[in-house]
Amino acid sequence: MGTLLVLWDIDKTLLDVDGVGFEIFSSAFAEFSGIPQHKDTRGPGRTEWRWFHDTLLANELQVTEECFPRFLRLQDAQFEARAADITQRGRVLPGVPEILRYCADTSDVVSSLLTGNARRNAERKLRAFGLDHFVDFDLGGYGDDHMERGELVEIARRRVYERTGTQFTPATTVIVGDTPNDVRAALDGGARAVAVATGVTAAADLRAAGADVILDDLADTEAVLEALLG
């Protein structure tokens, strides 16, 4: 099953949800902590687990094993309540349906996600724009699997192996994302990094981070395929 594993980032790579995710996170953290005017932390490309951990520390709160699961439950309820905001304020980025459809329809490609979003949030975001049937969620790596994004690469590869018996390697695994953290995850996890300059990071900075290929966006399906195939 497949000779190439492609793992997609979501925010600013496939979709732009206009800051709704940050608003939900911040609101859920305020509910969790009881600090309405808490210190927010910034850093595109972190896992939700790392983001939560950093925000705990920034607000001088104690970190325990129970904290993150409890926070996720609060955040989950807020995602449900604000589902309409995602579709009303968000958008699919250029070329995304076409390249996801191609990968889904090609037997040589296994297509899933490597995202800082918790899995339920990843599913919600793609479902909101009718993209959920283009990727196999069960084979991805998510922001509630591990705090460090680089660890998600091996988590995804292990899931693929357990499902299919196919062992993907650094040469046959591609991470597609828009931040230096996406690139570093690929390098740390053992994968090729295809970066897209559709987020807040300039192409030069993605190159400096070590991306193998840099694209302006995903609009040119042929160019994207060439980058994925190396």
Protein backbone atom coordinates (compact mmCIF):
# COMPACT_ATOMS: atom_id res chain seq x y z
CA MET A 1 0.00 0.00 0.00
CA GLY A 2 1.74 3.15 -1.19
CA THR A 3 5.34 4.10 -1.86
CA LEU A 4 5.12 7.66 -0.50
CA LEU A 5 3.77 8.89 2.84
CA VAL A 6 2.61 12.53 2.77
CA LEU A 7 1.74 14.19 6.07
CA TRP A 8 0.04 17.57 5.85
CA ASP A 9 -0.03 20.43 8.32
CA ILE A 10 -3.45 22.13 8.54
CA ASP A 11 -3.38 25.75 9.69
CA LYS A 12 -2.01 28.16 7.07
CA THR A 13 -1.03 25.16 4.93
CA LEU A 14 -4.41 23.70 3.96
CA LEU A 15 -6.74 26.16 5.68
CA ASP A 16 -6.83 29.62 7.17
CA VAL A 17 -9.43 29.85 9.95
CA ASP A 18 -8.79 33.54 10.66
CA GLY A 19 -7.57 33.18 14.22
CA VAL A 20 -10.59 31.25 15.47
CA GLY A 21 -8.37 28.51 16.86
CA PHE A 22 -6.34 31.00 18.89
CA GLU A 23 -9.50 32.60 20.25
CA ILE A 24 -10.88 29.23 21.30
CA PHE A 25 -7.60 28.19 22.91
CA SER A 26 -7.34 31.46 24.82
CA SER A 27 -10.95 31.27 26.01
CA ALA A 28 -10.57 27.64 27.10
CA PHE A 29 -7.35 28.48 28.94
CA ALA A 30 -9.09 31.32 30.75
CA GLU A 31 -11.81 28.88 31.83
CA PHE A 32 -9.23 26.28 32.84
CA SER A 33 -7.03 28.66 34.82
CA GLY A 34 -9.61 31.08 36.18
CA ILE A 35 -7.41 33.91 34.87
CA PRO A 36 -9.38 35.91 32.28
CA GLN A 37 -6.44 38.22 31.54
CA HIS A 38 -3.80 35.50 31.40
CA LYS A 39 -0.58 35.79 29.43
CA ASP A 40 -0.94 34.25 25.98
CA THR A 41 2.05 32.67 24.28
CA ARG A 42 2.80 32.75 20.57
CA GLY A 43 4.70 30.40 18.31
CA PRO A 44 3.26 29.02 15.06
CA GLY A 45 3.67 25.33 14.50
CA ARG A 46 3.67 24.14 18.10
CA THR A 47 1.57 21.22 19.20
CA GLU A 48 -1.46 22.12 21.29
CA TRP A 49 0.19 20.20 24.11
CA ARG A 50 3.34 22.35 23.90
CA TRP A 51 1.25 25.52 23.52
CA PHE A 52 -0.73 24.65 26.64
CA HIS A 53 2.43 23.77 28.57
CA ASP A 54 4.14 27.04 27.57
CA THR A 55 1.07 29.03 28.57
CA LEU A 56 0.91 27.31 31.95
CA LEU A 57 4.52 28.26 32.63
CA ALA A 58 4.02 31.83 31.36
CA ASN A 59 1.27 32.22 33.94
CA GLU A 60 3.28 30.54 36.72
CA LEU A 61 0.83 27.67 37.05
CA GLN A 62 1.71 24.17 38.20
CA VAL A 63 2.03 21.48 35.54
CA THR A 64 0.45 18.10 36.39
CA GLU A 65 -0.54 15.09 34.31
CA GLU A 66 -4.22 15.93 34.74
CA CYS A 67 -3.94 19.46 33.35
CA PHE A 68 -3.82 18.86 29.62
CA PRO A 69 -6.65 16.28 29.40
CA ARG A 70 -8.89 18.60 31.44
CA PHE A 71 -7.99 21.56 29.24
CA LEU A 72 -8.79 19.53 26.10
CA ARG A 73 -12.26 18.76 27.41
CA LEU A 74 -12.93 22.48 27.95
CA GLN A 75 -11.50 23.37 24.55
CA ASP A 76 -13.49 20.61 22.90
CA ALA A 77 -16.75 22.10 24.17
CA GLN A 78 -15.80 25.51 22.85
CA PHE A 79 -14.92 24.12 19.42
CA GLU A 80 -18.37 22.54 19.31
CA ALA A 81 -20.03 25.82 20.30
CA ARG A 82 -18.10 27.83 17.71
CA ALA A 83 -18.25 25.43 14.77
CA ALA A 84 -20.06 28.03 12.65
CA ASP A 85 -17.24 30.54 13.15
CA ILE A 86 -14.78 28.20 11.48
CA THR A 87 -16.82 27.89 8.29
CA GLN A 88 -17.92 31.53 8.23
CA ARG A 89 -14.52 33.06 8.86
CA GLY A 90 -12.23 30.37 7.45
CA ARG A 91 -11.21 29.45 3.92
CA VAL A 92 -9.49 26.70 2.00
CA LEU A 93 -6.15 27.80 0.58
CA PRO A 94 -5.53 27.73 -3.20
CA GLY A 95 -5.00 24.33 -4.79
CA VAL A 96 -5.69 22.35 -1.64
CA PRO A 97 -8.76 20.35 -2.77
CA GLU A 98 -7.02 19.41 -6.02
CA ILE A 99 -3.79 18.12 -4.48
CA LEU A 100 -5.56 16.33 -1.63
CA ARG A 101 -7.91 14.68 -4.12
CA TYR A 102 -4.99 13.59 -6.29
CA CYS A 103 -3.16 12.04 -3.33
CA ALA A 104 -6.32 10.32 -2.11
CA ASP A 105 -6.96 8.83 -5.54
CA THR A 106 -3.37 7.67 -6.12
CA SER A 107 -2.58 4.19 -4.83
CA ASP A 108 1.12 5.00 -4.52
CA VAL A 109 0.45 7.74 -1.96
CA VAL A 110 -0.62 7.40 1.66
CA SER A 111 -2.00 10.79 2.71
CA SER A 112 -2.62 11.85 6.31
CA LEU A 113 -1.83 14.68 8.72
CA LEU A 114 1.00 15.86 10.90
CA THR A 115 -0.46 18.78 12.80
CA GLY A 116 -0.23 20.60 16.08
CA ASN A 117 -4.01 20.33 16.37
CA ALA A 118 -5.46 17.74 18.67
CA ARG A 119 -7.03 15.02 16.54
CA ARG A 120 -10.64 16.04 17.18
CA ASN A 121 -9.84 19.62 16.21
CA ALA A 122 -8.07 18.45 13.06
CA GLU A 123 -11.12 16.42 12.08
CA ARG A 124 -13.46 19.34 12.77
CA LYS A 125 -11.47 21.78 10.67
CA LEU A 126 -11.21 19.55 7.61
CA ARG A 127 -14.83 18.41 7.91
CA ALA A 128 -15.98 22.03 8.01
CA PHE A 129 -14.70 22.50 4.45
CA GLY A 130 -15.50 19.06 3.04
CA LEU A 131 -11.87 17.90 3.01
CA ASP A 132 -12.12 15.16 5.62
CA HIS A 133 -12.60 12.32 3.12
CA PHE A 134 -9.27 13.09 1.38
CA VAL A 135 -7.02 11.98 4.27
CA ASP A 136 -6.88 8.94 6.56
CA PHE A 137 -7.06 10.44 10.06
CA ASP A 138 -6.13 7.14 11.69
CA LEU A 139 -2.64 7.30 10.19
CA GLY A 140 -1.62 10.80 11.29
CA GLY A 141 0.24 12.45 14.17
CA TYR A 142 -1.53 15.03 16.32
CA GLY A 143 -0.95 17.68 18.94
CA ASP A 144 -2.43 15.52 21.68
CA ASP A 145 -0.18 12.55 20.83
CA HIS A 146 3.05 14.15 22.03
CA MET A 147 4.25 17.54 23.21
CA GLU A 148 7.11 17.68 20.69
CA ARG A 149 6.18 17.93 17.05
CA GLY A 150 9.19 15.97 15.79
CA GLU A 151 7.96 12.91 17.71
CA LEU A 152 4.76 12.91 15.66
CA VAL A 153 6.60 11.74 12.54
CA GLU A 154 7.48 8.37 14.02
CA ILE A 155 4.04 8.10 15.64
CA ALA A 156 2.44 8.48 12.21
CA ARG A 157 4.86 6.04 10.57
CA ARG A 158 4.17 3.48 13.29
CA ARG A 159 0.43 3.82 12.76
CA VAL A 160 0.86 3.31 9.03
CA TYR A 161 3.01 0.22 9.61
CA GLU A 162 0.56 -1.27 12.10
CA ARG A 163 -2.30 -0.73 9.65
CA THR A 164 -0.64 -1.64 6.35
CA GLY A 165 2.63 -3.43 7.05
CA THR A 166 4.45 -0.79 4.98
CA GLN A 167 7.54 0.68 6.63
CA PHE A 168 8.13 4.21 5.35
CA THR A 169 11.60 5.72 5.62
CA PRO A 170 13.04 9.26 5.68
CA ALA A 171 13.36 9.08 1.90
CA THR A 172 9.70 8.10 1.45
CA THR A 173 8.10 10.37 4.06
CA VAL A 174 7.25 14.01 3.28
CA ILE A 175 6.04 16.68 5.71
CA VAL A 176 4.21 19.65 4.17
CA GLY A 177 3.88 22.75 6.32
CA ASP A 178 4.27 26.50 6.55
CA THR A 179 6.42 27.14 9.63
CA PRO A 180 10.00 26.50 10.76
CA ASN A 181 8.54 24.14 13.35
CA ASP A 182 7.08 22.02 10.54
CA VAL A 183 10.50 21.93 8.90
CA ARG A 184 12.25 21.07 12.16
CA ALA A 185 9.71 18.31 12.82
CA ALA A 186 10.64 16.77 9.47
CA LEU A 187 14.36 17.07 10.15
CA ASP A 188 14.08 15.76 13.72
CA GLY A 189 11.67 12.99 12.81
CA GLY A 190 13.46 11.83 9.69
CA ALA A 191 11.48 13.06 6.69
CA ARG A 192 11.75 15.42 3.74
CA ALA A 193 10.35 18.91 4.31
CA VAL A 194 8.23 20.70 1.70
CA ALA A 195 7.45 24.20 2.96
CA VAL A 196 4.78 26.55 1.68
CA ALA A 197 5.02 30.32 2.23
CA THR A 198 1.30 30.69 2.93
CA GLY A 199 1.66 31.50 6.62
CA VAL A 200 3.50 34.17 8.56
CA THR A 201 6.99 32.86 7.74
CA ALA A 202 8.86 34.21 4.74
CA ALA A 203 10.32 31.82 2.18
CA ALA A 204 13.86 32.85 3.14
CA ASP A 205 13.25 31.85 6.75
CA LEU A 206 11.79 28.50 5.70
CA ARG A 207 14.89 27.94 3.61
CA ALA A 208 17.12 28.86 6.54
CA ALA A 209 15.24 26.35 8.70
CA GLY A 210 16.31 23.61 6.30
CA ALA A 211 13.32 22.98 4.02
CA ASP A 212 14.15 20.75 1.05
CA VAL A 213 11.68 22.56 -1.21
CA ILE A 214 9.81 25.84 -0.81
CA LEU A 215 6.60 26.67 -2.69
CA ASP A 216 4.69 29.93 -2.76
CA ASP A 217 1.47 27.94 -2.24
CA LEU A 218 -0.23 24.70 -3.30
CA ALA A 219 -2.04 26.19 -6.30
CA ASP A 220 0.08 24.51 -8.99
CA THR A 221 -0.72 20.82 -8.64
CA GLU A 222 2.07 19.71 -10.97
CA ALA A 223 4.65 21.74 -9.05
CA VAL A 224 3.42 20.33 -5.76
CA LEU A 225 3.61 16.77 -7.07
CA GLU A 226 7.15 17.36 -8.29
CA ALA A 227 8.09 18.64 -4.83
CA LEU A 228 6.45 15.68 -3.08
CA LEU A 229 8.13 13.15 -5.31
CA GLY A 230 11.51 14.81 -4.87
